[in-house]
Amino acid sequence: MARRLLLLSTSTVFGTRYLEHALPELDDFIGSARSILFVPFALRDHAAYAQKARGAFEGTGRTFGSLHEAQFPAAAIGIAEALFVGGGNTFRLLATLHRLDLLGLIRSRVGEGMLYCGASAGSNLAGPTIRTTNDMPIVEPPSLTALGLVSFQINPHYVDPDPGSHHMGETREERLREFHEENEPPVVALREGAILRVEGDHVVLKGIAGARIFRRDQEPVEVLPGASLEGLLS
């Protein structure tokens, strides 16, 4: 598969502007592509979200369009060089793409070489399902099945257990272990600032933070930026 993906845990790291921490990696990944098509459907106000994202890409020399502005969304995706799927609520994002009947087209276009960039919900969407999102199901999509661009699940915004906390609810680690009580695919839990870059069958952890790899019936494995995540796509 000729997939090229850049999957961000978050669009904003504390103390930085929107996408600021990821712009060098985004610029390198997008490379010679001259246009970016933004998918704003994870937030309610599409116009405001698109304007915010457009500002982050100003000065890069690339044209920027938003899918909500397209008269024919399928046609816009059909000619897109690079797709950027923004964060927000993953259930709303998936439900909207189902309603517009765009999931299969996006999957096909990535297989043909269209660049796929995602942040948070947009990264969740790249996995087999959205079962490891942190979001509330504020809407109900027809299915939890996502794009399946990679064979592993993603958990953005991963927060390590706080040994000093008095909170008695489940930690993120406990919730991901619960996922593996019922499901098989590994989960890549991305801390804030972590980025996954997928080139064909190669996965590398990039960005400014590490990640944890959760597998069924195994202890989580720590990985640092620069690590090659061999075996995740097998």
C-alpha atoms as a PDB file:
ATOM      1  CA  MET A   1       0.000   0.000   0.000  1.00  0.00           C
ATOM      2  CA  ALA A   2       1.400   3.394  -1.006  1.00  0.00           C
ATOM      3  CA  ARG A   3       0.153   5.002   2.193  1.00  0.00           C
ATOM      4  CA  ARG A   4       1.772   8.134   3.540  1.00  0.00           C
ATOM      5  CA  LEU A   5       0.355   9.297   6.861  1.00  0.00           C
ATOM      6  CA  LEU A   6       1.256  11.856   9.500  1.00  0.00           C
ATOM      7  CA  LEU A   7      -0.729  11.340  12.699  1.00  0.00           C
ATOM      8  CA  LEU A   8      -0.541  13.905  15.507  1.00  0.00           C
ATOM      9  CA  SER A   9      -1.647  13.347  19.077  1.00  0.00           C
ATOM     10  CA  THR A  10      -2.797  16.945  19.289  1.00  0.00           C
ATOM     11  CA  SER A  11      -2.975  20.120  17.269  1.00  0.00           C
ATOM     12  CA  THR A  12      -1.870  22.340  20.156  1.00  0.00           C
ATOM     13  CA  VAL A  13       0.816  21.750  22.772  1.00  0.00           C
ATOM     14  CA  PHE A  14       0.685  23.889  25.926  1.00  0.00           C
ATOM     15  CA  GLY A  15       2.425  27.233  25.441  1.00  0.00           C
ATOM     16  CA  THR A  16       2.374  27.110  21.612  1.00  0.00           C
ATOM     17  CA  ARG A  17       0.048  28.252  18.846  1.00  0.00           C
ATOM     18  CA  TYR A  18      -2.190  25.931  16.815  1.00  0.00           C
ATOM     19  CA  LEU A  19      -0.002  23.349  15.009  1.00  0.00           C
ATOM     20  CA  GLU A  20       3.163  25.297  15.865  1.00  0.00           C
ATOM     21  CA  HIS A  21       4.933  22.280  17.381  1.00  0.00           C
ATOM     22  CA  ALA A  22       4.199  20.145  14.308  1.00  0.00           C
ATOM     23  CA  LEU A  23       4.745  22.597  11.444  1.00  0.00           C
ATOM     24  CA  PRO A  24       8.338  21.522  10.653  1.00  0.00           C
ATOM     25  CA  GLU A  25       7.262  17.887  10.437  1.00  0.00           C
ATOM     26  CA  LEU A  26       4.132  18.788   8.473  1.00  0.00           C
ATOM     27  CA  ASP A  27       6.135  20.876   6.017  1.00  0.00           C
ATOM     28  CA  ASP A  28       8.628  18.071   5.464  1.00  0.00           C
ATOM     29  CA  PHE A  29       5.875  15.484   5.086  1.00  0.00           C
ATOM     30  CA  ILE A  30       3.737  17.489   2.671  1.00  0.00           C
ATOM     31  CA  GLY A  31       6.850  18.252   0.650  1.00  0.00           C
ATOM     32  CA  SER A  32       6.181  19.237  -2.949  1.00  0.00           C
ATOM     33  CA  ALA A  33       2.386  19.071  -2.676  1.00  0.00           C
ATOM     34  CA  ARG A  34       1.073  22.542  -3.450  1.00  0.00           C
ATOM     35  CA  SER A  35      -2.408  22.298  -1.927  1.00  0.00           C
ATOM     36  CA  ILE A  36      -4.019  21.186   1.342  1.00  0.00           C
ATOM     37  CA  LEU A  37      -7.648  20.153   1.763  1.00  0.00           C
ATOM     38  CA  PHE A  38      -8.871  20.549   5.346  1.00  0.00           C
ATOM     39  CA  VAL A  39     -11.617  18.414   6.922  1.00  0.00           C
ATOM     40  CA  PRO A  40     -13.287  20.467   9.716  1.00  0.00           C
ATOM     41  CA  PHE A  41     -16.134  18.098  10.582  1.00  0.00           C
ATOM     42  CA  ALA A  42     -14.989  17.188  14.108  1.00  0.00           C
ATOM     43  CA  LEU A  43     -16.064  20.666  15.324  1.00  0.00           C
ATOM     44  CA  ARG A  44     -19.472  22.291  14.905  1.00  0.00           C
ATOM     45  CA  ASP A  45     -18.334  25.659  13.496  1.00  0.00           C
ATOM     46  CA  HIS A  46     -16.697  24.572  10.251  1.00  0.00           C
ATOM     47  CA  ALA A  47     -15.970  28.080   8.986  1.00  0.00           C
ATOM     48  CA  ALA A  48     -14.202  29.225  12.152  1.00  0.00           C
ATOM     49  CA  TYR A  49     -12.222  25.997  12.343  1.00  0.00           C
ATOM     50  CA  ALA A  50     -11.123  26.274   8.731  1.00  0.00           C
ATOM     51  CA  GLN A  51     -10.030  29.866   9.285  1.00  0.00           C
ATOM     52  CA  LYS A  52      -7.927  28.807  12.262  1.00  0.00           C
ATOM     53  CA  ALA A  53      -6.254  26.034  10.289  1.00  0.00           C
ATOM     54  CA  ARG A  54      -5.732  28.288   7.278  1.00  0.00           C
ATOM     55  CA  GLY A  55      -3.796  30.689   9.477  1.00  0.00           C
ATOM     56  CA  ALA A  56      -1.395  27.945  10.536  1.00  0.00           C
ATOM     57  CA  PHE A  57      -0.466  27.211   6.920  1.00  0.00           C
ATOM     58  CA  GLU A  58      -0.069  30.846   5.825  1.00  0.00           C
ATOM     59  CA  GLY A  59       3.372  31.523   4.437  1.00  0.00           C
ATOM     60  CA  THR A  60       3.994  27.929   3.354  1.00  0.00           C
ATOM     61  CA  GLY A  61       3.360  28.709  -0.308  1.00  0.00           C
ATOM     62  CA  ARG A  62       0.516  26.201  -0.520  1.00  0.00           C
ATOM     63  CA  THR A  63      -3.138  26.788  -1.324  1.00  0.00           C
ATOM     64  CA  PHE A  64      -5.627  25.856   1.383  1.00  0.00           C
ATOM     65  CA  GLY A  65      -9.238  24.779   0.999  1.00  0.00           C
ATOM     66  CA  SER A  66     -11.818  23.363   3.382  1.00  0.00           C
ATOM     67  CA  LEU A  67     -14.087  20.462   2.512  1.00  0.00           C
ATOM     68  CA  HIS A  68     -17.157  22.195   3.927  1.00  0.00           C
ATOM     69  CA  GLU A  69     -16.762  24.848   1.227  1.00  0.00           C
ATOM     70  CA  ALA A  70     -16.770  22.340  -1.635  1.00  0.00           C
ATOM     71  CA  GLN A  71     -19.948  22.098  -3.699  1.00  0.00           C
ATOM     72  CA  PHE A  72     -19.067  18.489  -4.455  1.00  0.00           C
ATOM     73  CA  PRO A  73     -17.017  17.057  -1.562  1.00  0.00           C
ATOM     74  CA  ALA A  74     -16.234  13.783  -3.324  1.00  0.00           C
ATOM     75  CA  ALA A  75     -14.834  15.638  -6.312  1.00  0.00           C
ATOM     76  CA  ALA A  76     -12.649  17.769  -4.016  1.00  0.00           C
ATOM     77  CA  ILE A  77     -11.194  14.671  -2.368  1.00  0.00           C
ATOM     78  CA  GLY A  78     -10.770  13.073  -5.769  1.00  0.00           C
ATOM     79  CA  ILE A  79      -8.205  15.688  -6.802  1.00  0.00           C
ATOM     80  CA  ALA A  80      -6.664  16.475  -3.397  1.00  0.00           C
ATOM     81  CA  GLU A  81      -2.903  16.206  -2.979  1.00  0.00           C
ATOM     82  CA  ALA A  82      -2.906  16.335   0.824  1.00  0.00           C
ATOM     83  CA  LEU A  83      -5.788  15.886   3.258  1.00  0.00           C
ATOM     84  CA  PHE A  84      -5.604  17.326   6.779  1.00  0.00           C
ATOM     85  CA  VAL A  85      -8.295  16.001   9.143  1.00  0.00           C
ATOM     86  CA  GLY A  86      -8.634  18.226  12.180  1.00  0.00           C
ATOM     87  CA  GLY A  87      -9.323  17.242  15.764  1.00  0.00           C
ATOM     88  CA  GLY A  88     -12.461  17.623  17.834  1.00  0.00           C
ATOM     89  CA  ASN A  89     -15.120  15.012  18.513  1.00  0.00           C
ATOM     90  CA  THR A  90     -14.328  11.722  16.776  1.00  0.00           C
ATOM     91  CA  PHE A  91     -17.936  10.494  16.782  1.00  0.00           C
ATOM     92  CA  ARG A  92     -19.139  13.659  15.043  1.00  0.00           C
ATOM     93  CA  LEU A  93     -16.304  13.429  12.504  1.00  0.00           C
ATOM     94  CA  LEU A  94     -17.041   9.800  11.653  1.00  0.00           C
ATOM     95  CA  ALA A  95     -20.811  10.346  11.508  1.00  0.00           C
ATOM     96  CA  THR A  96     -20.400  13.242   9.078  1.00  0.00           C
ATOM     97  CA  LEU A  97     -18.092  11.295   6.783  1.00  0.00           C
ATOM     98  CA  HIS A  98     -20.608   8.431   6.809  1.00  0.00           C
ATOM     99  CA  ARG A  99     -23.428  10.824   5.923  1.00  0.00           C
ATOM    100  CA  LEU A 100     -21.421  12.242   3.017  1.00  0.00           C
ATOM    101  CA  ASP A 101     -20.334   8.722   1.957  1.00  0.00           C
ATOM    102  CA  LEU A 102     -16.654   9.726   1.899  1.00  0.00           C
ATOM    103  CA  LEU A 103     -14.911   7.027   3.947  1.00  0.00           C
ATOM    104  CA  GLY A 104     -14.366   4.623   1.071  1.00  0.00           C
ATOM    105  CA  LEU A 105     -13.171   7.398  -1.208  1.00  0.00           C
ATOM    106  CA  ILE A 106     -10.624   8.682   1.325  1.00  0.00           C
ATOM    107  CA  ARG A 107      -9.366   5.132   1.872  1.00  0.00           C
ATOM    108  CA  SER A 108      -9.000   4.622  -1.874  1.00  0.00           C
ATOM    109  CA  ARG A 109      -7.253   7.950  -2.439  1.00  0.00           C
ATOM    110  CA  VAL A 110      -4.701   7.260   0.314  1.00  0.00           C
ATOM    111  CA  GLY A 111      -3.973   3.960  -1.397  1.00  0.00           C
ATOM    112  CA  GLU A 112      -3.316   5.919  -4.586  1.00  0.00           C
ATOM    113  CA  GLY A 113      -0.841   8.218  -2.857  1.00  0.00           C
ATOM    114  CA  MET A 114      -2.869  11.128  -1.448  1.00  0.00           C
ATOM    115  CA  LEU A 115      -1.143  12.384   1.704  1.00  0.00           C
ATOM    116  CA  TYR A 116      -3.154  11.960   4.902  1.00  0.00           C
ATOM    117  CA  CYS A 117      -2.523  14.172   7.925  1.00  0.00           C
ATOM    118  CA  GLY A 118      -4.598  13.875  11.082  1.00  0.00           C
ATOM    119  CA  ALA A 119      -4.664  15.461  14.517  1.00  0.00           C
ATOM    120  CA  SER A 120      -6.438  13.901  17.503  1.00  0.00           C
ATOM    121  CA  ALA A 121      -9.807  12.824  16.062  1.00  0.00           C
ATOM    122  CA  GLY A 122      -8.229  12.834  12.618  1.00  0.00           C
ATOM    123  CA  SER A 123      -5.597  10.417  13.906  1.00  0.00           C
ATOM    124  CA  ASN A 124      -8.231   8.201  15.539  1.00  0.00           C
ATOM    125  CA  LEU A 125      -9.932   8.000  12.162  1.00  0.00           C
ATOM    126  CA  ALA A 126      -6.862   6.397  10.566  1.00  0.00           C
ATOM    127  CA  GLY A 127      -7.143   3.236  12.676  1.00  0.00           C
ATOM    128  CA  PRO A 128      -9.429   0.232  12.205  1.00  0.00           C
ATOM    129  CA  THR A 129     -12.070   1.660  14.553  1.00  0.00           C
ATOM    130  CA  ILE A 130     -12.596   4.663  16.837  1.00  0.00           C
ATOM    131  CA  ARG A 131     -12.963   2.430  19.907  1.00  0.00           C
ATOM    132  CA  THR A 132      -9.907   3.993  21.599  1.00  0.00           C
ATOM    133  CA  THR A 133     -10.965   7.617  21.304  1.00  0.00           C
ATOM    134  CA  ASN A 134     -11.285   9.651  24.512  1.00  0.00           C
ATOM    135  CA  ASP A 135     -14.382  11.474  23.238  1.00  0.00           C
ATOM    136  CA  MET A 136     -17.993  11.284  24.349  1.00  0.00           C
ATOM    137  CA  PRO A 137     -20.450   9.806  21.821  1.00  0.00           C
ATOM    138  CA  ILE A 138     -22.376  13.049  21.318  1.00  0.00           C
ATOM    139  CA  VAL A 139     -23.744  11.619  18.056  1.00  0.00           C
ATOM    140  CA  GLU A 140     -24.127   8.014  16.919  1.00  0.00           C
ATOM    141  CA  PRO A 141     -22.394   7.048  13.674  1.00  0.00           C
ATOM    142  CA  PRO A 142     -23.741   4.004  11.797  1.00  0.00           C
ATOM    143  CA  SER A 143     -20.602   2.092  12.767  1.00  0.00           C
ATOM    144  CA  LEU A 144     -17.442   2.544  14.818  1.00  0.00           C
ATOM    145  CA  THR A 145     -15.394   1.243  11.886  1.00  0.00           C
ATOM    146  CA  ALA A 146     -12.963   3.900  10.668  1.00  0.00           C
ATOM    147  CA  LEU A 147     -10.615   4.193   7.682  1.00  0.00           C
ATOM    148  CA  GLY A 148      -8.329   1.285   8.536  1.00  0.00           C
ATOM    149  CA  LEU A 149      -5.302   2.989   6.986  1.00  0.00           C
ATOM    150  CA  VAL A 150      -3.195   1.264   9.650  1.00  0.00           C
ATOM    151  CA  SER A 151      -3.861  -2.008  11.466  1.00  0.00           C
ATOM    152  CA  PHE A 152      -3.331  -0.589  14.974  1.00  0.00           C
ATOM    153  CA  GLN A 153      -5.528   1.616  17.124  1.00  0.00           C
ATOM    154  CA  ILE A 154      -4.528   5.099  18.223  1.00  0.00           C
ATOM    155  CA  ASN A 155      -5.157   6.792  21.555  1.00  0.00           C
ATOM    156  CA  PRO A 156      -4.307  10.500  21.322  1.00  0.00           C
ATOM    157  CA  HIS A 157      -3.692  12.771  24.312  1.00  0.00           C
ATOM    158  CA  TYR A 158      -2.381   9.882  26.392  1.00  0.00           C
ATOM    159  CA  VAL A 159      -1.942  10.824  30.062  1.00  0.00           C
ATOM    160  CA  ASP A 160       0.205   8.720  32.389  1.00  0.00           C
ATOM    161  CA  PRO A 161      -1.237   7.609  35.736  1.00  0.00           C
ATOM    162  CA  ASP A 162      -0.621  10.186  38.474  1.00  0.00           C
ATOM    163  CA  PRO A 163       0.581   8.354  41.604  1.00  0.00           C
ATOM    164  CA  GLY A 164      -0.335  11.363  43.731  1.00  0.00           C
ATOM    165  CA  SER A 165      -3.917  11.677  42.493  1.00  0.00           C
ATOM    166  CA  HIS A 166      -6.893  10.940  44.745  1.00  0.00           C
ATOM    167  CA  HIS A 167      -9.173  10.369  41.747  1.00  0.00           C
ATOM    168  CA  MET A 168     -10.720   6.893  42.003  1.00  0.00           C
ATOM    169  CA  GLY A 169     -11.922   6.514  38.403  1.00  0.00           C
ATOM    170  CA  GLU A 170     -10.101   4.510  35.769  1.00  0.00           C
ATOM    171  CA  THR A 171      -6.778   5.792  34.494  1.00  0.00           C
ATOM    172  CA  ARG A 172      -6.162   5.900  30.745  1.00  0.00           C
ATOM    173  CA  GLU A 173      -3.948   2.842  31.110  1.00  0.00           C
ATOM    174  CA  GLU A 174      -6.793   0.927  32.771  1.00  0.00           C
ATOM    175  CA  ARG A 175      -9.214   1.906  30.007  1.00  0.00           C
ATOM    176  CA  LEU A 176      -6.818   0.696  27.325  1.00  0.00           C
ATOM    177  CA  ARG A 177      -6.340  -2.574  29.177  1.00  0.00           C
ATOM    178  CA  GLU A 178     -10.143  -2.905  29.165  1.00  0.00           C
ATOM    179  CA  PHE A 179     -10.078  -2.440  25.386  1.00  0.00           C
ATOM    180  CA  HIS A 180      -7.779  -5.446  25.130  1.00  0.00           C
ATOM    181  CA  GLU A 181     -10.135  -7.555  27.217  1.00  0.00           C
ATOM    182  CA  GLU A 182     -12.444  -7.475  24.194  1.00  0.00           C
ATOM    183  CA  ASN A 183     -10.256  -6.548  21.213  1.00  0.00           C
ATOM    184  CA  GLU A 184      -7.021  -7.701  19.603  1.00  0.00           C
ATOM    185  CA  PRO A 185      -5.322  -4.798  17.707  1.00  0.00           C
ATOM    186  CA  PRO A 186      -2.391  -3.068  19.420  1.00  0.00           C
ATOM    187  CA  VAL A 187      -2.881   0.502  20.590  1.00  0.00           C
ATOM    188  CA  VAL A 188      -0.363   3.307  20.150  1.00  0.00           C
ATOM    189  CA  ALA A 189      -0.966   5.775  22.985  1.00  0.00           C
ATOM    190  CA  LEU A 190       0.478   9.140  21.943  1.00  0.00           C
ATOM    191  CA  ARG A 191       1.492  11.658  24.580  1.00  0.00           C
ATOM    192  CA  GLU A 192       0.989  15.331  23.778  1.00  0.00           C
ATOM    193  CA  GLY A 193       3.418  16.379  21.061  1.00  0.00           C
ATOM    194  CA  ALA A 194       4.000  12.853  19.742  1.00  0.00           C
ATOM    195  CA  ILE A 195       3.621  12.222  16.006  1.00  0.00           C
ATOM    196  CA  LEU A 196       3.499   9.030  13.969  1.00  0.00           C
ATOM    197  CA  ARG A 197       4.879   9.085  10.445  1.00  0.00           C
ATOM    198  CA  VAL A 198       3.870   6.169   8.242  1.00  0.00           C
ATOM    199  CA  GLU A 199       5.585   5.578   4.915  1.00  0.00           C
ATOM    200  CA  GLY A 200       4.324   2.392   3.285  1.00  0.00           C
ATOM    201  CA  ASP A 201       5.119  -0.373   5.784  1.00  0.00           C
ATOM    202  CA  HIS A 202       7.420   1.763   7.952  1.00  0.00           C
ATOM    203  CA  VAL A 203       6.286   3.587  11.106  1.00  0.00           C
ATOM    204  CA  VAL A 204       8.482   6.056  12.995  1.00  0.00           C
ATOM    205  CA  LEU A 205       7.646   7.978  16.147  1.00  0.00           C
ATOM    206  CA  LYS A 206       8.404  11.667  15.647  1.00  0.00           C
ATOM    207  CA  GLY A 207       7.629  14.865  17.499  1.00  0.00           C
ATOM    208  CA  ILE A 208       8.581  16.078  20.958  1.00  0.00           C
ATOM    209  CA  ALA A 209       7.089  13.364  23.181  1.00  0.00           C
ATOM    210  CA  GLY A 210       7.077   9.609  23.573  1.00  0.00           C
ATOM    211  CA  ALA A 211       4.372   6.987  23.361  1.00  0.00           C
ATOM    212  CA  ARG A 212       3.301   3.710  24.938  1.00  0.00           C
ATOM    213  CA  ILE A 213       2.443   0.609  22.930  1.00  0.00           C
ATOM    214  CA  PHE A 214      -0.309  -1.557  24.423  1.00  0.00           C
ATOM    215  CA  ARG A 215      -0.745  -5.151  23.270  1.00  0.00           C
ATOM    216  CA  ARG A 216      -3.185  -7.762  24.483  1.00  0.00           C
ATOM    217  CA  ASP A 217      -1.873  -9.872  27.387  1.00  0.00           C
ATOM    218  CA  GLN A 218       1.411  -7.923  27.472  1.00  0.00           C
ATOM    219  CA  GLU A 219       2.806  -5.066  29.522  1.00  0.00           C
ATOM    220  CA  PRO A 220       2.921  -1.662  27.790  1.00  0.00           C
ATOM    221  CA  VAL A 221       6.176  -0.758  26.040  1.00  0.00           C
ATOM    222  CA  GLU A 222       7.702   2.731  26.200  1.00  0.00           C
ATOM    223  CA  VAL A 223       8.999   4.271  22.964  1.00  0.00           C
ATOM    224  CA  LEU A 224      10.836   7.552  22.426  1.00  0.00           C
ATOM    225  CA  PRO A 225      10.903   9.940  19.461  1.00  0.00           C
ATOM    226  CA  GLY A 226      13.020   8.538  16.657  1.00  0.00           C
ATOM    227  CA  ALA A 227      12.029   4.936  17.361  1.00  0.00           C
ATOM    228  CA  SER A 228      11.060   2.688  14.486  1.00  0.00           C
ATOM    229  CA  LEU A 229       7.871   0.877  15.460  1.00  0.00           C
ATOM    230  CA  GLU A 230       8.551  -2.372  13.638  1.00  0.00           C
ATOM    231  CA  GLY A 231       5.835  -4.978  13.679  1.00  0.00           C
ATOM    232  CA  LEU A 232       2.889  -2.631  14.190  1.00  0.00           C
ATOM    233  CA  LEU A 233       1.696  -3.033  10.620  1.00  0.00           C
ATOM    234  CA  SER A 234       2.085  -6.816  10.452  1.00  0.00           C
END
